[in-house]
N, C-alpha and C. Protein backbone atom coordinates (compact mmCIF):
# COMPACT_ATOMS: atom_id res chain seq x y z
N MET A 1 11.97 15.07 -27.82
CA MET A 1 11.42 14.38 -28.94
C MET A 1 11.36 15.43 -30.04
N LEU A 2 11.30 15.08 -30.96
CA LEU A 2 11.36 15.93 -32.09
C LEU A 2 10.20 15.51 -33.12
N ILE A 3 9.17 16.10 -33.60
CA ILE A 3 8.73 15.77 -34.72
C ILE A 3 8.24 16.89 -35.80
N GLU A 4 8.47 16.10 -37.21
CA GLU A 4 7.94 17.20 -37.75
C GLU A 4 7.00 16.68 -39.08
N VAL A 5 6.93 17.46 -39.29
CA VAL A 5 4.72 17.19 -39.81
C VAL A 5 5.56 18.45 -41.57
N ASP A 6 4.97 18.17 -42.14
CA ASP A 6 5.07 18.33 -43.82
C ASP A 6 3.87 18.10 -44.71
N PRO A 7 3.45 18.21 -45.42
CA PRO A 7 2.22 18.76 -45.06
C PRO A 7 2.03 16.43 -46.31
N ALA A 8 2.81 15.78 -46.93
CA ALA A 8 2.77 14.83 -47.29
C ALA A 8 3.22 13.21 -46.33
N THR A 9 3.70 13.68 -44.80
CA THR A 9 4.82 12.91 -43.89
C THR A 9 4.91 13.36 -42.76
N VAL A 10 4.61 12.18 -41.74
CA VAL A 10 4.65 13.33 -40.75
C VAL A 10 5.91 12.15 -39.63
N SER A 11 6.87 12.65 -38.98
CA SER A 11 7.62 11.55 -38.70
C SER A 11 8.62 12.29 -37.12
N ILE A 12 8.92 11.43 -36.24
CA ILE A 12 8.77 11.71 -34.75
C ILE A 12 10.64 10.95 -34.77
N GLN A 13 11.48 12.20 -34.58
CA GLN A 13 12.82 11.87 -34.25
C GLN A 13 13.56 12.01 -33.00
N PRO A 14 15.01 11.15 -32.15
CA PRO A 14 14.23 11.52 -31.34
C PRO A 14 15.46 12.94 -30.71
N ILE A 15 16.12 12.80 -30.33
CA ILE A 15 16.98 14.49 -29.55
C ILE A 15 17.74 14.02 -28.08
N SER A 16 18.67 14.58 -28.65
CA SER A 16 19.95 13.96 -28.39
C SER A 16 20.58 14.69 -27.04
N ALA A 17 21.37 14.50 -25.88
CA ALA A 17 21.91 14.96 -25.54
C ALA A 17 23.24 14.84 -26.05
N LEU A 18 23.42 14.68 -26.37
CA LEU A 18 25.49 13.88 -27.40
C LEU A 18 25.08 13.61 -28.64
N GLU A 19 25.91 14.41 -29.82
CA GLU A 19 25.68 14.39 -31.00
C GLU A 19 27.10 13.40 -31.79
N GLU A 20 28.31 12.89 -30.55
CA GLU A 20 28.47 11.79 -31.26
C GLU A 20 29.73 11.29 -29.95
N LEU A 21 29.84 10.15 -29.78
CA LEU A 21 29.90 9.13 -28.90
C LEU A 21 31.15 7.97 -28.91
N LEU A 22 31.96 8.58 -28.97
CA LEU A 22 33.98 7.44 -28.88
C LEU A 22 34.61 6.80 -28.20
N VAL A 23 34.01 5.69 -27.44
CA VAL A 23 35.04 5.12 -26.96
C VAL A 23 36.14 3.92 -27.80
N TYR A 24 37.47 4.53 -27.21
CA TYR A 24 39.16 4.46 -27.14
C TYR A 24 39.94 4.03 -26.86
N PRO A 25 40.95 3.18 -26.45
CA PRO A 25 41.62 2.10 -28.19
C PRO A 25 40.81 1.44 -27.81
N ASN A 26 39.93 0.66 -28.33
CA ASN A 26 39.65 -0.73 -27.89
C ASN A 26 39.32 -2.28 -28.59
N PRO A 27 39.90 -3.07 -28.19
CA PRO A 27 40.07 -3.52 -26.65
C PRO A 27 40.84 -2.11 -25.89
N VAL A 28 40.96 -1.37 -25.23
CA VAL A 28 41.98 -1.27 -23.87
C VAL A 28 42.87 -1.96 -23.23
N ASP A 29 43.66 -1.54 -23.54
CA ASP A 29 44.87 -1.83 -22.41
C ASP A 29 45.94 -0.90 -21.53
N GLY A 30 45.25 0.61 -21.88
CA GLY A 30 45.65 1.67 -19.78
C GLY A 30 44.56 2.74 -19.99
N ALA A 31 45.53 4.02 -20.26
CA ALA A 31 43.75 4.46 -20.18
C ALA A 31 43.04 4.38 -21.50
N LEU A 32 41.34 4.46 -20.42
CA LEU A 32 40.12 4.42 -22.24
C LEU A 32 40.25 5.64 -22.17
N HIS A 33 40.09 6.67 -22.89
CA HIS A 33 39.56 7.84 -23.39
C HIS A 33 38.12 7.64 -23.81
N VAL A 34 37.28 8.52 -23.48
CA VAL A 34 35.52 9.09 -23.77
C VAL A 34 35.78 9.69 -24.56
N SER A 35 35.34 10.21 -25.63
CA SER A 35 34.65 11.06 -26.74
C SER A 35 34.09 11.74 -27.60
N PHE A 36 32.73 13.01 -26.51
CA PHE A 36 32.15 13.09 -26.89
C PHE A 36 31.66 14.32 -26.95
N GLU A 37 30.73 14.56 -28.29
CA GLU A 37 30.30 16.11 -28.30
C GLU A 37 28.85 16.13 -27.84
N ALA A 38 29.00 17.13 -26.50
CA ALA A 38 27.64 17.74 -26.35
C ALA A 38 26.63 19.25 -26.40
N LYS A 39 25.70 18.68 -27.08
CA LYS A 39 24.96 19.83 -27.76
C LYS A 39 23.85 21.45 -26.90
N SER A 40 24.79 20.96 -25.20
CA SER A 40 24.36 22.19 -24.13
C SER A 40 24.98 21.55 -22.19
N THR A 41 24.89 22.40 -22.15
CA THR A 41 25.68 22.17 -20.71
C THR A 41 24.57 21.31 -20.35
N MET A 42 25.76 19.53 -19.45
CA MET A 42 24.98 19.15 -19.14
C MET A 42 25.41 18.09 -17.81
N PRO A 43 24.64 17.83 -16.92
CA PRO A 43 25.44 17.03 -15.70
C PRO A 43 25.57 15.72 -16.36
N LEU A 44 26.99 14.36 -16.39
CA LEU A 44 26.63 13.06 -17.15
C LEU A 44 27.47 12.32 -15.84
N ALA A 45 27.03 11.10 -15.73
CA ALA A 45 28.11 9.77 -15.58
C ALA A 45 28.24 9.18 -16.02
N LEU A 46 30.14 8.22 -15.61
CA LEU A 46 29.95 7.59 -16.43
C LEU A 46 30.10 5.77 -15.81
N SER A 47 29.69 4.69 -15.63
CA SER A 47 29.98 4.02 -15.04
C SER A 47 29.91 2.81 -15.88
N VAL A 48 32.02 2.30 -15.54
CA VAL A 48 31.79 0.41 -16.51
C VAL A 48 30.87 -0.67 -15.60
N ILE A 49 30.02 -1.20 -15.89
CA ILE A 49 29.66 -2.60 -15.84
C ILE A 49 30.26 -4.12 -16.26
N ASN A 50 30.25 -4.93 -14.96
CA ASN A 50 30.51 -6.44 -15.79
C ASN A 50 29.66 -7.46 -16.28
N SER A 51 30.34 -7.98 -16.51
CA SER A 51 28.95 -9.07 -17.65
C SER A 51 28.14 -9.90 -16.61
N MET A 52 27.86 -9.66 -14.92
CA MET A 52 27.62 -9.66 -14.00
C MET A 52 26.08 -8.85 -13.43
N GLY A 53 26.50 -7.82 -14.19
CA GLY A 53 25.57 -6.46 -14.01
C GLY A 53 25.93 -5.64 -13.04
N GLU A 54 26.94 -5.43 -12.85
CA GLU A 54 28.17 -4.91 -11.51
C GLU A 54 28.50 -3.66 -12.07
N THR A 55 28.62 -2.96 -11.25
CA THR A 55 29.07 -1.67 -10.89
C THR A 55 30.17 -1.71 -11.02
N VAL A 56 31.11 -1.65 -11.79
CA VAL A 56 32.30 -1.93 -11.17
C VAL A 56 33.19 -1.03 -10.66
N PHE A 57 32.96 0.66 -11.36
CA PHE A 57 33.76 1.88 -11.86
C PHE A 57 32.98 2.59 -12.22
N ILE A 58 32.31 3.65 -11.20
CA ILE A 58 31.54 5.19 -11.36
C ILE A 58 32.39 6.37 -11.73
N ILE A 59 31.78 7.29 -11.95
CA ILE A 59 32.80 8.60 -12.48
C ILE A 59 31.24 8.91 -11.77
N PRO A 60 31.36 9.41 -10.92
CA PRO A 60 29.66 10.45 -10.22
C PRO A 60 29.56 12.17 -11.22
N GLU A 61 28.59 11.73 -11.65
CA GLU A 61 28.03 13.19 -11.94
C GLU A 61 28.77 14.29 -11.80
N VAL A 62 28.82 15.12 -12.83
CA VAL A 62 29.55 16.42 -13.32
C VAL A 62 29.11 16.63 -14.48
N ILE A 63 29.57 18.00 -13.76
CA ILE A 63 29.23 18.50 -14.76
C ILE A 63 29.27 18.70 -16.70
N PHE A 64 28.98 18.82 -17.43
CA PHE A 64 30.53 18.74 -18.60
C PHE A 64 30.03 19.81 -19.76
N CYS A 65 30.92 21.02 -19.78
CA CYS A 65 30.15 22.01 -20.96
C CYS A 65 30.17 21.51 -22.84
N ARG A 66 28.85 22.84 -22.75
CA ARG A 66 28.95 22.37 -24.36
C ARG A 66 30.06 22.28 -25.35
N GLY A 67 29.83 21.24 -26.44
CA GLY A 67 31.03 21.24 -26.80
C GLY A 67 31.75 20.26 -26.90
N SER A 68 33.15 20.10 -27.24
CA SER A 68 34.03 18.41 -27.55
C SER A 68 33.94 18.40 -25.46
N GLN A 69 34.47 16.84 -25.42
CA GLN A 69 34.68 16.25 -23.85
C GLN A 69 36.27 15.49 -24.30
N LEU A 70 37.23 15.21 -23.19
CA LEU A 70 37.86 13.51 -23.93
C LEU A 70 37.71 14.25 -21.79
N TYR A 71 38.16 12.87 -21.76
CA TYR A 71 38.08 11.99 -20.81
C TYR A 71 38.59 11.27 -20.80
N ASP A 72 40.10 10.92 -20.57
CA ASP A 72 41.28 10.05 -20.08
C ASP A 72 41.61 8.56 -18.89
N ARG A 73 40.95 7.74 -18.42
CA ARG A 73 41.19 7.04 -17.28
C ARG A 73 41.44 5.77 -17.15
N SER A 74 41.99 5.71 -16.80
CA SER A 74 41.85 3.66 -16.72
C SER A 74 41.63 2.96 -15.72
N PRO A 75 40.79 2.71 -16.11
CA PRO A 75 39.87 1.92 -15.58
C PRO A 75 40.62 1.49 -14.15
N ASP A 76 40.43 0.75 -13.09
CA ASP A 76 40.98 -0.21 -12.61
C ASP A 76 39.91 -1.79 -12.06
N VAL A 77 40.17 -2.67 -13.57
CA VAL A 77 39.39 -2.99 -13.88
C VAL A 77 40.34 -4.79 -14.15
N SER A 78 39.88 -5.98 -13.71
CA SER A 78 39.94 -7.15 -15.01
C SER A 78 40.39 -6.92 -16.13
N ALA A 79 40.90 -7.99 -16.35
CA ALA A 79 40.47 -8.25 -17.83
C ALA A 79 39.29 -8.21 -18.20
N GLY A 80 38.43 -8.26 -19.53
CA GLY A 80 37.50 -9.34 -19.99
C GLY A 80 36.78 -7.63 -20.60
N VAL A 81 35.29 -8.56 -20.51
CA VAL A 81 34.25 -7.30 -21.60
C VAL A 81 33.46 -6.98 -20.48
N TYR A 82 33.68 -5.39 -21.20
CA TYR A 82 32.46 -4.87 -19.74
C TYR A 82 31.38 -3.32 -21.17
N ALA A 83 31.12 -2.83 -20.01
CA ALA A 83 29.97 -2.23 -20.76
C ALA A 83 30.40 -0.12 -19.72
N LEU A 84 30.81 0.53 -20.50
CA LEU A 84 30.67 1.30 -20.17
C LEU A 84 29.03 2.54 -20.77
N GLN A 85 28.28 3.00 -19.80
CA GLN A 85 27.32 3.54 -19.56
C GLN A 85 28.03 5.02 -19.49
N VAL A 86 26.85 5.51 -20.24
CA VAL A 86 27.47 7.45 -20.35
C VAL A 86 25.40 7.74 -20.21
N VAL A 87 25.23 8.21 -18.52
CA VAL A 87 24.20 8.79 -18.24
C VAL A 87 24.28 10.49 -18.56
N SER A 88 22.32 10.98 -18.91
CA SER A 88 22.85 12.21 -18.70
C SER A 88 20.91 12.14 -18.09
N GLY A 89 20.36 12.15 -17.27
CA GLY A 89 18.79 12.54 -16.76
C GLY A 89 18.08 11.56 -17.99
N ASN A 90 17.92 11.55 -18.15
CA ASN A 90 16.48 10.63 -18.98
C ASN A 90 17.43 8.75 -19.72
N GLU A 91 17.85 9.69 -20.58
CA GLU A 91 18.69 9.51 -22.11
C GLU A 91 20.41 8.99 -21.18
N PHE A 92 21.03 7.60 -21.73
CA PHE A 92 21.23 6.90 -21.45
C PHE A 92 22.15 5.83 -22.95
N TRP A 93 23.52 6.21 -23.51
CA TRP A 93 24.48 5.69 -23.88
C TRP A 93 25.03 3.91 -23.39
N THR A 94 25.20 3.25 -24.32
CA THR A 94 25.87 2.07 -24.18
C THR A 94 26.62 2.04 -24.99
N ARG A 95 28.17 1.71 -24.70
CA ARG A 95 29.47 1.03 -25.38
C ARG A 95 30.24 -0.66 -24.30
N LYS A 96 29.51 -1.15 -25.75
CA LYS A 96 30.76 -2.04 -24.83
C LYS A 96 32.82 -1.81 -24.88
N VAL A 97 32.88 -2.30 -24.45
CA VAL A 97 34.64 -1.88 -24.14
C VAL A 97 35.59 -3.70 -23.61
N VAL A 98 35.83 -3.68 -24.35
CA VAL A 98 37.09 -5.16 -23.75
C VAL A 98 38.48 -4.82 -23.42
N VAL A 99 39.06 -5.08 -22.59
CA VAL A 99 40.31 -4.66 -21.66
C VAL A 99 40.41 -5.92 -21.51
N THR A 100 42.80 -5.53 -21.86
CA THR A 100 43.10 -7.26 -22.35
C THR A 100 44.89 -6.57 -20.87
N HIS A 101 45.07 -7.02 -20.38
CA HIS A 101 46.31 -6.47 -19.63
C HIS A 101 47.37 -7.11 -20.41
């Protein structure tokens, strides 16, 4: 967390390890593309969670380098609505993904 102080205001802004997280295409009917801009080298894990809260697909923690990253994969899951979750340490990002076949 970043705290900025000047004579007129005090603000608290979260610091995120990722600049941008894009998941496309959505809905997906094949390879799912996960693209992000990492501010530093960091470990990330990706998982796909179904509407019952069960993890149906996981990529264990992998070290990603600073800069732009692209991950392409066709998760072997049934058609439906899922949550894609990206986790790094105590931070996580979630995107809704619709899978069609």
